[in-house]
Amino acid sequence: MHESKEQQPSDFLSLSATVTGKWSAWLLLMSLLPILLNTLVVMPQTDQRAGLELAQQVYNLTVFLCVFSSGITGLWAIVRERERYWVLFTSVLLLVLALALNIGSMFEG
Protein backbone atom coordinates (compact mmCIF):
# COMPACT_ATOMS: atom_id res chain seq x y z
CA MET A 1 0.00 0.00 0.00
CA HIS A 2 1.08 3.50 -0.74
CA GLU A 3 1.31 5.63 2.37
CA SER A 4 0.84 9.35 1.97
CA LYS A 5 2.95 11.43 4.26
CA GLU A 6 1.28 14.61 5.32
CA GLN A 7 3.61 17.43 6.05
CA GLN A 8 3.50 18.58 9.64
CA PRO A 9 3.05 22.30 10.25
CA SER A 10 6.39 23.88 11.10
CA ASP A 11 7.29 25.53 14.38
CA PHE A 12 7.21 29.30 14.56
CA LEU A 13 10.96 29.76 15.13
CA SER A 14 12.17 26.91 12.93
CA LEU A 15 13.31 27.11 9.33
CA SER A 16 10.75 26.83 6.57
CA ALA A 17 9.97 23.31 5.43
CA THR A 18 8.34 24.06 2.08
CA VAL A 19 9.71 25.45 -1.15
CA THR A 20 7.12 28.23 -1.12
CA GLY A 21 8.16 29.24 2.38
CA LYS A 22 11.81 29.33 1.37
CA TRP A 23 10.97 31.44 -1.68
CA SER A 24 9.09 33.88 0.50
CA ALA A 25 12.02 34.12 2.93
CA TRP A 26 14.46 34.85 0.09
CA LEU A 27 12.11 37.38 -1.47
CA LEU A 28 11.77 39.09 1.91
CA LEU A 29 15.55 39.34 2.14
CA MET A 30 15.66 40.65 -1.42
CA SER A 31 13.13 43.33 -0.49
CA LEU A 32 14.70 44.38 2.82
CA LEU A 33 18.12 44.98 1.29
CA PRO A 34 16.81 47.48 -1.32
CA ILE A 35 14.76 49.23 1.38
CA LEU A 36 17.93 49.79 3.39
CA LEU A 37 19.84 50.81 0.28
CA ASN A 38 17.06 53.23 -0.63
CA THR A 39 17.05 54.80 2.81
CA LEU A 40 20.80 55.09 3.17
CA VAL A 41 22.00 55.83 -0.39
CA VAL A 42 19.34 56.54 -2.99
CA MET A 43 17.09 58.97 -1.12
CA PRO A 44 19.95 61.26 0.03
CA GLN A 45 21.25 61.37 -3.55
CA THR A 46 17.86 62.22 -5.05
CA ASP A 47 17.37 64.93 -2.42
CA GLN A 48 20.69 66.56 -3.37
CA ARG A 49 20.33 66.37 -7.15
CA ALA A 50 17.49 67.63 -9.26
CA GLY A 51 16.05 65.49 -12.02
CA LEU A 52 16.31 62.13 -10.27
CA GLU A 53 12.64 61.88 -9.32
CA LEU A 54 11.97 59.36 -12.10
CA ALA A 55 14.86 57.18 -10.92
CA GLN A 56 13.47 57.30 -7.39
CA GLN A 57 10.00 56.31 -8.59
CA VAL A 58 11.35 53.38 -10.63
CA TYR A 59 13.41 52.21 -7.66
CA ASN A 60 10.41 52.49 -5.33
CA LEU A 61 8.27 50.48 -7.74
CA THR A 62 10.93 47.76 -7.93
CA VAL A 63 11.15 47.57 -4.13
CA PHE A 64 7.34 47.47 -3.86
CA LEU A 65 7.16 44.59 -6.33
CA CYS A 66 9.71 42.64 -4.26
CA VAL A 67 7.70 43.28 -1.09
CA PHE A 68 4.46 42.37 -2.87
CA SER A 69 5.81 39.09 -4.23
CA SER A 70 7.30 38.18 -0.86
CA GLY A 71 4.03 38.90 0.95
CA ILE A 72 1.86 37.01 -1.53
CA THR A 73 4.22 34.04 -1.52
CA GLY A 74 4.29 34.11 2.28
CA LEU A 75 0.51 34.30 2.47
CA TRP A 76 0.27 31.35 0.08
CA ALA A 77 2.66 29.31 2.25
CA ILE A 78 0.72 30.17 5.41
CA VAL A 79 -2.76 29.49 4.04
CA ARG A 80 -2.26 26.66 1.54
CA GLU A 81 0.79 24.86 2.92
CA ARG A 82 0.13 25.47 6.62
CA GLU A 83 3.57 27.00 7.29
CA ARG A 84 4.03 28.77 10.60
CA TYR A 85 7.44 30.33 10.07
CA TRP A 86 8.06 33.79 11.56
CA VAL A 87 9.60 35.14 8.37
CA LEU A 88 6.40 34.37 6.49
CA PHE A 89 4.35 36.38 8.96
CA THR A 90 6.91 39.19 8.70
CA SER A 91 6.63 39.22 4.90
CA VAL A 92 2.83 39.37 5.10
CA LEU A 93 2.99 42.20 7.65
CA LEU A 94 5.43 44.11 5.43
CA LEU A 95 3.03 43.64 2.51
CA VAL A 96 0.13 44.99 4.59
CA LEU A 97 2.24 47.98 5.64
CA ALA A 98 3.32 48.70 2.05
CA LEU A 99 -0.26 48.45 0.78
CA ALA A 100 -1.54 50.69 3.58
CA LEU A 101 1.10 53.34 2.88
CA ASN A 102 0.44 53.28 -0.87
CA ILE A 103 -3.35 53.34 -0.53
CA GLY A 104 -3.10 56.07 2.12
CA SER A 105 -0.95 58.24 -0.13
CA MET A 106 -3.49 57.85 -2.95
CA PHE A 107 -6.30 59.15 -0.73
CA GLU A 108 -4.12 61.93 0.63
CA GLY A 109 -3.90 63.42 -2.80
PDB file of N, CA and C in Angstrom:
ATOM      1  N   MET A   1       0.829  -1.175   0.000  1.00  0.00           N
ATOM      2  CA  MET A   1       0.000   0.000   0.000  1.00  0.00           C
ATOM      3  C   MET A   1       0.879   1.247   0.000  1.00  0.00           C
ATOM      4  N   HIS A   2       0.370   2.227  -0.658  1.00  0.00           N
ATOM      5  CA  HIS A   2       1.079   3.496  -0.737  1.00  0.00           C
ATOM      6  C   HIS A   2       0.646   4.373   0.419  1.00  0.00           C
ATOM      7  N   GLU A   3       1.619   4.764   1.235  1.00  0.00           N
ATOM      8  CA  GLU A   3       1.311   5.632   2.371  1.00  0.00           C
ATOM      9  C   GLU A   3       1.582   7.074   1.987  1.00  0.00           C
ATOM     10  N   SER A   4       0.628   7.938   2.244  1.00  0.00           N
ATOM     11  CA  SER A   4       0.843   9.354   1.968  1.00  0.00           C
ATOM     12  C   SER A   4       1.320  10.030   3.247  1.00  0.00           C
ATOM     13  N   LYS A   5       2.411  10.704   3.111  1.00  0.00           N
ATOM     14  CA  LYS A   5       2.954  11.430   4.260  1.00  0.00           C
ATOM     15  C   LYS A   5       2.455  12.854   4.220  1.00  0.00           C
ATOM     16  N   GLU A   6       1.726  13.230   5.227  1.00  0.00           N
ATOM     17  CA  GLU A   6       1.278  14.611   5.316  1.00  0.00           C
ATOM     18  C   GLU A   6       2.363  15.422   6.010  1.00  0.00           C
ATOM     19  N   GLN A   7       2.593  16.575   5.483  1.00  0.00           N
ATOM     20  CA  GLN A   7       3.615  17.430   6.055  1.00  0.00           C
ATOM     21  C   GLN A   7       3.084  18.067   7.323  1.00  0.00           C
ATOM     22  N   GLN A   8       3.883  17.989   8.367  1.00  0.00           N
ATOM     23  CA  GLN A   8       3.501  18.579   9.637  1.00  0.00           C
ATOM     24  C   GLN A   8       3.716  20.087   9.583  1.00  0.00           C
ATOM     25  N   PRO A   9       2.822  20.859  10.187  1.00  0.00           N
ATOM     26  CA  PRO A   9       3.054  22.300  10.248  1.00  0.00           C
ATOM     27  C   PRO A   9       4.355  22.595  10.981  1.00  0.00           C
ATOM     28  N   SER A  10       5.087  23.584  10.509  1.00  0.00           N
ATOM     29  CA  SER A  10       6.388  23.885  11.098  1.00  0.00           C
ATOM     30  C   SER A  10       6.232  24.731  12.356  1.00  0.00           C
ATOM     31  N   ASP A  11       7.265  24.694  13.189  1.00  0.00           N
ATOM     32  CA  ASP A  11       7.294  25.528  14.381  1.00  0.00           C
ATOM     33  C   ASP A  11       7.527  26.972  13.984  1.00  0.00           C
ATOM     34  N   PHE A  12       7.133  27.875  14.859  1.00  0.00           N
ATOM     35  CA  PHE A  12       7.209  29.302  14.557  1.00  0.00           C
ATOM     36  C   PHE A  12       8.649  29.779  14.376  1.00  0.00           C
ATOM     37  N   LEU A  13       9.576  29.299  15.182  1.00  0.00           N
ATOM     38  CA  LEU A  13      10.958  29.758  15.131  1.00  0.00           C
ATOM     39  C   LEU A  13      11.872  28.857  14.310  1.00  0.00           C
ATOM     40  N   SER A  14      11.342  27.814  13.718  1.00  0.00           N
ATOM     41  CA  SER A  14      12.171  26.908  12.929  1.00  0.00           C
ATOM     42  C   SER A  14      12.326  27.432  11.507  1.00  0.00           C
ATOM     43  N   LEU A  15      13.143  26.749  10.733  1.00  0.00           N
ATOM     44  CA  LEU A  15      13.309  27.107   9.332  1.00  0.00           C
ATOM     45  C   LEU A  15      12.127  26.578   8.528  1.00  0.00           C
ATOM     46  N   SER A  16      11.874  27.209   7.420  1.00  0.00           N
ATOM     47  CA  SER A  16      10.747  26.830   6.573  1.00  0.00           C
ATOM     48  C   SER A  16      10.959  25.434   6.004  1.00  0.00           C
ATOM     49  N   ALA A  17       9.877  24.678   5.915  1.00  0.00           N
ATOM     50  CA  ALA A  17       9.968  23.305   5.430  1.00  0.00           C
ATOM     51  C   ALA A  17       9.534  23.177   3.979  1.00  0.00           C
ATOM     52  N   THR A  18       8.841  24.158   3.447  1.00  0.00           N
ATOM     53  CA  THR A  18       8.336  24.056   2.081  1.00  0.00           C
ATOM     54  C   THR A  18       9.125  24.961   1.140  1.00  0.00           C
ATOM     55  N   VAL A  19       9.037  24.640  -0.134  1.00  0.00           N
ATOM     56  CA  VAL A  19       9.715  25.447  -1.152  1.00  0.00           C
ATOM     57  C   VAL A  19       9.103  26.841  -1.208  1.00  0.00           C
ATOM     58  N   THR A  20       7.792  26.928  -1.089  1.00  0.00           N
ATOM     59  CA  THR A  20       7.120  28.229  -1.125  1.00  0.00           C
ATOM     60  C   THR A  20       7.559  29.100   0.045  1.00  0.00           C
ATOM     61  N   GLY A  21       7.692  28.504   1.215  1.00  0.00           N
ATOM     62  CA  GLY A  21       8.159  29.244   2.377  1.00  0.00           C
ATOM     63  C   GLY A  21       9.582  29.739   2.209  1.00  0.00           C
ATOM     64  N   LYS A  22      10.425  28.908   1.619  1.00  0.00           N
ATOM     65  CA  LYS A  22      11.807  29.327   1.372  1.00  0.00           C
ATOM     66  C   LYS A  22      11.867  30.447   0.338  1.00  0.00           C
ATOM     67  N   TRP A  23      11.033  30.362  -0.685  1.00  0.00           N
ATOM     68  CA  TRP A  23      10.969  31.440  -1.683  1.00  0.00           C
ATOM     69  C   TRP A  23      10.549  32.747  -1.031  1.00  0.00           C
ATOM     70  N   SER A  24       9.559  32.678  -0.165  1.00  0.00           N
ATOM     71  CA  SER A  24       9.087  33.883   0.500  1.00  0.00           C
ATOM     72  C   SER A  24      10.181  34.484   1.378  1.00  0.00           C
ATOM     73  N   ALA A  25      10.936  33.631   2.074  1.00  0.00           N
ATOM     74  CA  ALA A  25      12.018  34.125   2.928  1.00  0.00           C
ATOM     75  C   ALA A  25      13.096  34.811   2.086  1.00  0.00           C
ATOM     76  N   TRP A  26      13.458  34.227   0.959  1.00  0.00           N
ATOM     77  CA  TRP A  26      14.459  34.847   0.085  1.00  0.00           C
ATOM     78  C   TRP A  26      13.938  36.144  -0.527  1.00  0.00           C
ATOM     79  N   LEU A  27      12.676  36.148  -0.918  1.00  0.00           N
ATOM     80  CA  LEU A  27      12.109  37.384  -1.466  1.00  0.00           C
ATOM     81  C   LEU A  27      12.031  38.481  -0.415  1.00  0.00           C
ATOM     82  N   LEU A  28      11.768  38.098   0.832  1.00  0.00           N
ATOM     83  CA  LEU A  28      11.767  39.090   1.907  1.00  0.00           C
ATOM     84  C   LEU A  28      13.156  39.682   2.077  1.00  0.00           C
ATOM     85  N   LEU A  29      14.180  38.837   2.052  1.00  0.00           N
ATOM     86  CA  LEU A  29      15.547  39.339   2.137  1.00  0.00           C
ATOM     87  C   LEU A  29      15.866  40.240   0.955  1.00  0.00           C
ATOM     88  N   MET A  30      15.415  39.845  -0.224  1.00  0.00           N
ATOM     89  CA  MET A  30      15.663  40.646  -1.421  1.00  0.00           C
ATOM     90  C   MET A  30      14.864  41.946  -1.429  1.00  0.00           C
ATOM     91  N   SER A  31      13.853  42.063  -0.588  1.00  0.00           N
ATOM     92  CA  SER A  31      13.127  43.328  -0.494  1.00  0.00           C
ATOM     93  C   SER A  31      13.638  44.192   0.654  1.00  0.00           C
ATOM     94  N   LEU A  32      14.171  43.579   1.710  1.00  0.00           N
ATOM     95  CA  LEU A  32      14.699  44.377   2.817  1.00  0.00           C
ATOM     96  C   LEU A  32      16.020  45.054   2.460  1.00  0.00           C
ATOM     97  N   LEU A  33      16.849  44.382   1.688  1.00  0.00           N
ATOM     98  CA  LEU A  33      18.119  44.982   1.285  1.00  0.00           C
ATOM     99  C   LEU A  33      17.919  46.241   0.438  1.00  0.00           C
ATOM    100  N   PRO A  34      17.041  46.226  -0.574  1.00  0.00           N
ATOM    101  CA  PRO A  34      16.811  47.477  -1.322  1.00  0.00           C
ATOM    102  C   PRO A  34      16.160  48.577  -0.486  1.00  0.00           C
ATOM    103  N   ILE A  35      15.350  48.210   0.503  1.00  0.00           N
ATOM    104  CA  ILE A  35      14.764  49.231   1.382  1.00  0.00           C
ATOM    105  C   ILE A  35      15.872  49.940   2.152  1.00  0.00           C
ATOM    106  N   LEU A  36      16.807  49.174   2.690  1.00  0.00           N
ATOM    107  CA  LEU A  36      17.932  49.786   3.392  1.00  0.00           C
ATOM    108  C   LEU A  36      18.793  50.613   2.450  1.00  0.00           C
ATOM    109  N   LEU A  37      19.059  50.083   1.269  1.00  0.00           N
ATOM    110  CA  LEU A  37      19.841  50.810   0.279  1.00  0.00           C
ATOM    111  C   LEU A  37      19.143  52.101  -0.127  1.00  0.00           C
ATOM    112  N   ASN A  38      17.836  52.043  -0.275  1.00  0.00           N
ATOM    113  CA  ASN A  38      17.061  53.229  -0.628  1.00  0.00           C
ATOM    114  C   ASN A  38      17.153  54.293   0.470  1.00  0.00           C
ATOM    115  N   THR A  39      17.026  53.866   1.697  1.00  0.00           N
ATOM    116  CA  THR A  39      17.050  54.797   2.813  1.00  0.00           C
ATOM    117  C   THR A  39      18.427  55.411   3.011  1.00  0.00           C
ATOM    118  N   LEU A  40      19.460  54.610   2.861  1.00  0.00           N
ATOM    119  CA  LEU A  40      20.800  55.088   3.172  1.00  0.00           C
ATOM    120  C   LEU A  40      21.523  55.753   2.001  1.00  0.00           C
ATOM    121  N   VAL A  41      21.222  55.341   0.753  1.00  0.00           N
ATOM    122  CA  VAL A  41      22.003  55.827  -0.386  1.00  0.00           C
ATOM    123  C   VAL A  41      21.150  56.591  -1.392  1.00  0.00           C
ATOM    124  N   VAL A  42      20.079  55.967  -1.865  1.00  0.00           N
ATOM    125  CA  VAL A  42      19.338  56.540  -2.993  1.00  0.00           C
ATOM    126  C   VAL A  42      18.599  57.818  -2.602  1.00  0.00           C
ATOM    127  N   MET A  43      17.860  57.787  -1.499  1.00  0.00           N
ATOM    128  CA  MET A  43      17.093  58.967  -1.116  1.00  0.00           C
ATOM    129  C   MET A  43      17.972  60.192  -0.842  1.00  0.00           C
ATOM    130  N   PRO A  44      19.102  60.065  -0.133  1.00  0.00           N
ATOM    131  CA  PRO A  44      19.954  61.255   0.031  1.00  0.00           C
ATOM    132  C   PRO A  44      20.484  61.800  -1.303  1.00  0.00           C
ATOM    133  N   GLN A  45      20.767  60.914  -2.249  1.00  0.00           N
ATOM    134  CA  GLN A  45      21.252  61.371  -3.553  1.00  0.00           C
ATOM    135  C   GLN A  45      20.164  62.090  -4.339  1.00  0.00           C
ATOM    136  N   THR A  46      18.940  61.567  -4.307  1.00  0.00           N
ATOM    137  CA  THR A  46      17.859  62.218  -5.049  1.00  0.00           C
ATOM    138  C   THR A  46      17.437  63.523  -4.394  1.00  0.00           C
ATOM    139  N   ASP A  47      17.659  63.656  -3.083  1.00  0.00           N
ATOM    140  CA  ASP A  47      17.368  64.928  -2.419  1.00  0.00           C
ATOM    141  C   ASP A  47      18.384  65.996  -2.790  1.00  0.00           C
ATOM    142  N   GLN A  48      19.628  65.595  -3.060  1.00  0.00           N
ATOM    143  CA  GLN A  48      20.687  66.559  -3.366  1.00  0.00           C
ATOM    144  C   GLN A  48      20.706  66.964  -4.828  1.00  0.00           C
ATOM    145  N   ARG A  49      20.259  66.099  -5.716  1.00  0.00           N
ATOM    146  CA  ARG A  49      20.331  66.371  -7.148  1.00  0.00           C
ATOM    147  C   ARG A  49      18.934  66.486  -7.741  1.00  0.00           C
ATOM    148  N   ALA A  50      18.778  67.461  -8.582  1.00  0.00           N
ATOM    149  CA  ALA A  50      17.491  67.631  -9.257  1.00  0.00           C
ATOM    150  C   ALA A  50      17.426  66.691 -10.456  1.00  0.00           C
ATOM    151  N   GLY A  51      16.237  66.306 -10.834  1.00  0.00           N
ATOM    152  CA  GLY A  51      16.048  65.493 -12.020  1.00  0.00           C
ATOM    153  C   GLY A  51      16.121  63.997 -11.786  1.00  0.00           C
ATOM    154  N   LEU A  52      16.233  63.561 -10.540  1.00  0.00           N
ATOM    155  CA  LEU A  52      16.310  62.129 -10.266  1.00  0.00           C
ATOM    156  C   LEU A  52      14.994  61.566  -9.711  1.00  0.00           C
ATOM    157  N   GLU A  53      13.923  62.339  -9.845  1.00  0.00           N
ATOM    158  CA  GLU A  53      12.644  61.876  -9.319  1.00  0.00           C
ATOM    159  C   GLU A  53      12.166  60.612 -10.032  1.00  0.00           C
ATOM    160  N   LEU A  54      12.381  60.548 -11.344  1.00  0.00           N
ATOM    161  CA  LEU A  54      11.972  59.364 -12.100  1.00  0.00           C
ATOM    162  C   LEU A  54      12.750  58.138 -11.645  1.00  0.00           C
ATOM    163  N   ALA A  55      14.045  58.292 -11.408  1.00  0.00           N
ATOM    164  CA  ALA A  55      14.865  57.176 -10.920  1.00  0.00           C
ATOM    165  C   ALA A  55      14.370  56.710  -9.555  1.00  0.00           C
ATOM    166  N   GLN A  56      14.000  57.653  -8.706  1.00  0.00           N
ATOM    167  CA  GLN A  56      13.473  57.297  -7.386  1.00  0.00           C
ATOM    168  C   GLN A  56      12.152  56.545  -7.507  1.00  0.00           C
ATOM    169  N   GLN A  57      11.282  56.981  -8.402  1.00  0.00           N
ATOM    170  CA  GLN A  57       9.997  56.307  -8.587  1.00  0.00           C
ATOM    171  C   GLN A  57      10.169  54.895  -9.132  1.00  0.00           C
ATOM    172  N   VAL A  58      11.089  54.717 -10.077  1.00  0.00           N
ATOM    173  CA  VAL A  58      11.352  53.383 -10.630  1.00  0.00           C
ATOM    174  C   VAL A  58      11.920  52.471  -9.551  1.00  0.00           C
ATOM    175  N   TYR A  59      12.826  52.990  -8.751  1.00  0.00           N
ATOM    176  CA  TYR A  59      13.407  52.212  -7.658  1.00  0.00           C
ATOM    177  C   TYR A  59      12.342  51.834  -6.639  1.00  0.00           C
ATOM    178  N   ASN A  60      11.483  52.781  -6.284  1.00  0.00           N
ATOM    179  CA  ASN A  60      10.406  52.494  -5.330  1.00  0.00           C
ATOM    180  C   ASN A  60       9.454  51.435  -5.865  1.00  0.00           C
ATOM    181  N   LEU A  61       9.139  51.486  -7.148  1.00  0.00           N
ATOM    182  CA  LEU A  61       8.269  50.479  -7.743  1.00  0.00           C
ATOM    183  C   LEU A  61       8.919  49.098  -7.705  1.00  0.00           C
ATOM    184  N   THR A  62      10.209  49.036  -7.974  1.00  0.00           N
ATOM    185  CA  THR A  62      10.928  47.762  -7.927  1.00  0.00           C
ATOM    186  C   THR A  62      10.919  47.179  -6.517  1.00  0.00           C
ATOM    187  N   VAL A  63      11.168  48.027  -5.527  1.00  0.00           N
ATOM    188  CA  VAL A  63      11.145  47.568  -4.133  1.00  0.00           C
ATOM    189  C   VAL A  63       9.738  47.112  -3.753  1.00  0.00           C
ATOM    190  N   PHE A  64       8.721  47.862  -4.172  1.00  0.00           N
ATOM    191  CA  PHE A  64       7.343  47.471  -3.857  1.00  0.00           C
ATOM    192  C   PHE A  64       7.001  46.122  -4.482  1.00  0.00           C
ATOM    193  N   LEU A  65       7.444  45.873  -5.695  1.00  0.00           N
ATOM    194  CA  LEU A  65       7.164  44.589  -6.333  1.00  0.00           C
ATOM    195  C   LEU A  65       7.856  43.433  -5.605  1.00  0.00           C
ATOM    196  N   CYS A  66       9.041  43.671  -5.071  1.00  0.00           N
ATOM    197  CA  CYS A  66       9.713  42.640  -4.258  1.00  0.00           C
ATOM    198  C   CYS A  66       8.930  42.359  -2.970  1.00  0.00           C
ATOM    199  N   VAL A  67       8.489  43.436  -2.312  1.00  0.00           N
ATOM    200  CA  VAL A  67       7.704  43.282  -1.085  1.00  0.00           C
ATOM    201  C   VAL A  67       6.382  42.582  -1.392  1.00  0.00           C
ATOM    202  N   PHE A  68       5.742  42.967  -2.486  1.00  0.00           N
ATOM    203  CA  PHE A  68       4.461  42.374  -2.867  1.00  0.00           C
ATOM    204  C   PHE A  68       4.614  40.881  -3.144  1.00  0.00           C
ATOM    205  N   SER A  69       5.629  40.511  -3.915  1.00  0.00           N
ATOM    206  CA  SER A  69       5.811  39.094  -4.235  1.00  0.00           C
ATOM    207  C   SER A  69       6.178  38.293  -2.998  1.00  0.00           C
ATOM    208  N   SER A  70       6.958  38.866  -2.099  1.00  0.00           N
ATOM    209  CA  SER A  70       7.297  38.178  -0.860  1.00  0.00           C
ATOM    210  C   SER A  70       6.058  37.972   0.013  1.00  0.00           C
ATOM    211  N   GLY A  71       5.233  39.006   0.125  1.00  0.00           N
ATOM    212  CA  GLY A  71       4.027  38.900   0.950  1.00  0.00           C
ATOM    213  C   GLY A  71       3.012  37.918   0.391  1.00  0.00           C
ATOM    214  N   ILE A  72       2.812  37.946  -0.917  1.00  0.00           N
ATOM    215  CA  ILE A  72       1.856  37.013  -1.532  1.00  0.00           C
ATOM    216  C   ILE A  72       2.349  35.581  -1.419  1.00  0.00           C
ATOM    217  N   THR A  73       3.654  35.383  -1.648  1.00  0.00           N
ATOM    218  CA  THR A  73       4.219  34.039  -1.518  1.00  0.00           C
ATOM    219  C   THR A  73       4.138  33.560  -0.071  1.00  0.00           C
ATOM    220  N   GLY A  74       4.408  34.454   0.872  1.00  0.00           N
ATOM    221  CA  GLY A  74       4.286  34.107   2.284  1.00  0.00           C
ATOM    222  C   GLY A  74       2.858  33.782   2.686  1.00  0.00           C
ATOM    223  N   LEU A  75       1.915  34.566   2.188  1.00  0.00           N
ATOM    224  CA  LEU A  75       0.506  34.302   2.473  1.00  0.00           C
ATOM    225  C   LEU A  75       0.078  32.955   1.899  1.00  0.00           C
ATOM    226  N   TRP A  76       0.570  32.644   0.702  1.00  0.00           N
ATOM    227  CA  TRP A  76       0.271  31.352   0.079  1.00  0.00           C
ATOM    228  C   TRP A  76       0.822  30.205   0.940  1.00  0.00           C
ATOM    229  N   ALA A  77       2.053  30.362   1.428  1.00  0.00           N
ATOM    230  CA  ALA A  77       2.661  29.315   2.251  1.00  0.00           C
ATOM    231  C   ALA A  77       1.925  29.143   3.583  1.00  0.00           C
ATOM    232  N   ILE A  78       1.441  30.248   4.138  1.00  0.00           N
ATOM    233  CA  ILE A  78       0.721  30.173   5.411  1.00  0.00           C
ATOM    234  C   ILE A  78      -0.640  29.515   5.228  1.00  0.00           C
ATOM    235  N   VAL A  79      -1.385  29.946   4.210  1.00  0.00           N
ATOM    236  CA  VAL A  79      -2.757  29.486   4.038  1.00  0.00           C
ATOM    237  C   VAL A  79      -2.816  28.099   3.404  1.00  0.00           C
ATOM    238  N   ARG A  80      -2.122  27.906   2.286  1.00  0.00           N
ATOM    239  CA  ARG A  80      -2.258  26.658   1.537  1.00  0.00           C
ATOM    240  C   ARG A  80      -1.362  25.536   2.040  1.00  0.00           C
ATOM    241  N   GLU A  81      -0.160  25.896   2.521  1.00  0.00           N
ATOM    242  CA  GLU A  81       0.791  24.865   2.916  1.00  0.00           C
ATOM    243  C   GLU A  81       0.969  24.768   4.429  1.00  0.00           C
ATOM    244  N   ARG A  82       0.179  25.531   5.162  1.00  0.00           N
ATOM    245  CA  ARG A  82       0.132  25.471   6.621  1.00  0.00           C
ATOM    246  C   ARG A  82       1.491  25.706   7.275  1.00  0.00           C
ATOM    247  N   GLU A  83       2.279  26.606   6.703  1.00  0.00           N
ATOM    248  CA  GLU A  83       3.565  26.998   7.287  1.00  0.00           C
ATOM    249  C   GLU A  83       3.303  27.946   8.447  1.00  0.00           C
ATOM    250  N   ARG A  84       4.125  27.861   9.453  1.00  0.00           N
ATOM    251  CA  ARG A  84       4.026  28.769  10.597  1.00  0.00           C
ATOM    252  C   ARG A  84       5.411  29.295  10.939  1.00  0.00           C
ATOM    253  N   TYR A  85       6.080  29.847   9.951  1.00  0.00           N
ATOM    254  CA  TYR A  85       7.441  30.328  10.073  1.00  0.00           C
ATOM    255  C   TYR A  85       7.389  31.831  10.265  1.00  0.00           C
ATOM    256  N   TRP A  86       8.159  32.362  11.201  1.00  0.00           N
ATOM    257  CA  TRP A  86       8.058  33.786  11.564  1.00  0.00           C
ATOM    258  C   TRP A  86       8.381  34.713  10.399  1.00  0.00           C
ATOM    259  N   VAL A  87       9.255  34.290   9.512  1.00  0.00           N
ATOM    260  CA  VAL A  87       9.604  35.140   8.374  1.00  0.00           C
ATOM    261  C   VAL A  87       8.407  35.303   7.444  1.00  0.00           C
ATOM    262  N   LEU A  88       7.588  34.279   7.334  1.00  0.00           N
ATOM    263  CA  LEU A  88       6.396  34.371   6.487  1.00  0.00           C
ATOM    264  C   LEU A  88       5.415  35.395   7.044  1.00  0.00           C
ATOM    265  N   PHE A  89       5.233  35.388   8.343  1.00  0.00           N
ATOM    266  CA  PHE A  89       4.355  36.382   8.962  1.00  0.00           C
ATOM    267  C   PHE A  89       4.934  37.789   8.803  1.00  0.00           C
ATOM    268  N   THR A  90       6.259  37.897   8.896  1.00  0.00           N
ATOM    269  CA  THR A  90       6.912  39.192   8.699  1.00  0.00           C
ATOM    270  C   THR A  90       6.707  39.691   7.276  1.00  0.00           C
ATOM    271  N   SER A  91       6.819  38.795   6.297  1.00  0.00           N
ATOM    272  CA  SER A  91       6.632  39.216   4.902  1.00  0.00           C
ATOM    273  C   SER A  91       5.191  39.650   4.648  1.00  0.00           C
ATOM    274  N   VAL A  92       4.232  38.975   5.261  1.00  0.00           N
ATOM    275  CA  VAL A  92       2.826  39.369   5.096  1.00  0.00           C
ATOM    276  C   VAL A  92       2.580  40.716   5.780  1.00  0.00           C
ATOM    277  N   LEU A  93       3.155  40.923   6.959  1.00  0.00           N
ATOM    278  CA  LEU A  93       2.993  42.201   7.649  1.00  0.00           C
ATOM    279  C   LEU A  93       3.639  43.345   6.873  1.00  0.00           C
ATOM    280  N   LEU A  94       4.785  43.089   6.256  1.00  0.00           N
ATOM    281  CA  LEU A  94       5.428  44.107   5.435  1.00  0.00           C
ATOM    282  C   LEU A  94       4.579  44.427   4.211  1.00  0.00           C
ATOM    283  N   LEU A  95       3.942  43.420   3.637  1.00  0.00           N
ATOM    284  CA  LEU A  95       3.027  43.637   2.515  1.00  0.00           C
ATOM    285  C   LEU A  95       1.849  44.507   2.944  1.00  0.00           C
ATOM    286  N   VAL A  96       1.259  44.201   4.088  1.00  0.00           N
ATOM    287  CA  VAL A  96       0.125  44.990   4.585  1.00  0.00           C
ATOM    288  C   VAL A  96       0.547  46.435   4.835  1.00  0.00           C
ATOM    289  N   LEU A  97       1.735  46.628   5.408  1.00  0.00           N
ATOM    290  CA  LEU A  97       2.241  47.983   5.644  1.00  0.00           C
ATOM    291  C   LEU A  97       2.460  48.721   4.322  1.00  0.00           C
ATOM    292  N   ALA A  98       3.070  48.058   3.344  1.00  0.00           N
ATOM    293  CA  ALA A  98       3.320  48.699   2.047  1.00  0.00           C
ATOM    294  C   ALA A  98       2.017  49.059   1.344  1.00  0.00           C
ATOM    295  N   LEU A  99       1.035  48.153   1.399  1.00  0.00           N
ATOM    296  CA  LEU A  99      -0.259  48.450   0.778  1.00  0.00           C
ATOM    297  C   LEU A  99      -0.961  49.600   1.488  1.00  0.00           C
ATOM    298  N   ALA A 100      -0.893  49.611   2.821  1.00  0.00           N
ATOM    299  CA  ALA A 100      -1.536  50.686   3.581  1.00  0.00           C
ATOM    300  C   ALA A 100      -0.901  52.038   3.275  1.00  0.00           C
ATOM    301  N   LEU A 101       0.425  52.072   3.182  1.00  0.00           N
ATOM    302  CA  LEU A 101       1.101  53.338   2.878  1.00  0.00           C
ATOM    303  C   LEU A 101       0.782  53.809   1.464  1.00  0.00           C
ATOM    304  N   ASN A 102       0.744  52.875   0.510  1.00  0.00           N
ATOM    305  CA  ASN A 102       0.440  53.277  -0.869  1.00  0.00           C
ATOM    306  C   ASN A 102      -1.016  53.695  -1.039  1.00  0.00           C
ATOM    307  N   ILE A 103      -1.931  52.985  -0.442  1.00  0.00           N
ATOM    308  CA  ILE A 103      -3.349  53.341  -0.534  1.00  0.00           C
ATOM    309  C   ILE A 103      -3.603  54.650   0.202  1.00  0.00           C
ATOM    310  N   GLY A 104      -2.951  54.825   1.372  1.00  0.00           N
ATOM    311  CA  GLY A 104      -3.101  56.071   2.119  1.00  0.00           C
ATOM    312  C   GLY A 104      -2.593  57.279   1.353  1.00  0.00           C
ATOM    313  N   SER A 105      -1.484  57.111   0.642  1.00  0.00           N
ATOM    314  CA  SER A 105      -0.951  58.237  -0.134  1.00  0.00           C
ATOM    315  C   SER A 105      -1.851  58.557  -1.322  1.00  0.00           C
ATOM    316  N   MET A 106      -2.561  57.580  -1.853  1.00  0.00           N
ATOM    317  CA  MET A 106      -3.491  57.847  -2.949  1.00  0.00           C
ATOM    318  C   MET A 106      -4.667  58.679  -2.471  1.00  0.00           C
ATOM    319  N   PHE A 107      -5.170  58.396  -1.277  1.00  0.00           N
ATOM    320  CA  PHE A 107      -6.296  59.149  -0.731  1.00  0.00           C
ATOM    321  C   PHE A 107      -5.884  60.519  -0.221  1.00  0.00           C
ATOM    322  N   GLU A 108      -4.624  60.655   0.122  1.00  0.00           N
ATOM    323  CA  GLU A 108      -4.121  61.927   0.627  1.00  0.00           C
ATOM    324  C   GLU A 108      -4.088  62.980  -0.477  1.00  0.00           C
ATOM    325  N   GLY A 109      -3.821  62.519  -1.672  1.00  0.00           N
ATOM    326  CA  GLY A 109      -3.896  63.424  -2.800  1.00  0.00           C
ATOM    327  C   GLY A 109      -2.564  63.858  -3.229  1.00  0.00           C
TER     328      GLY A 109
END
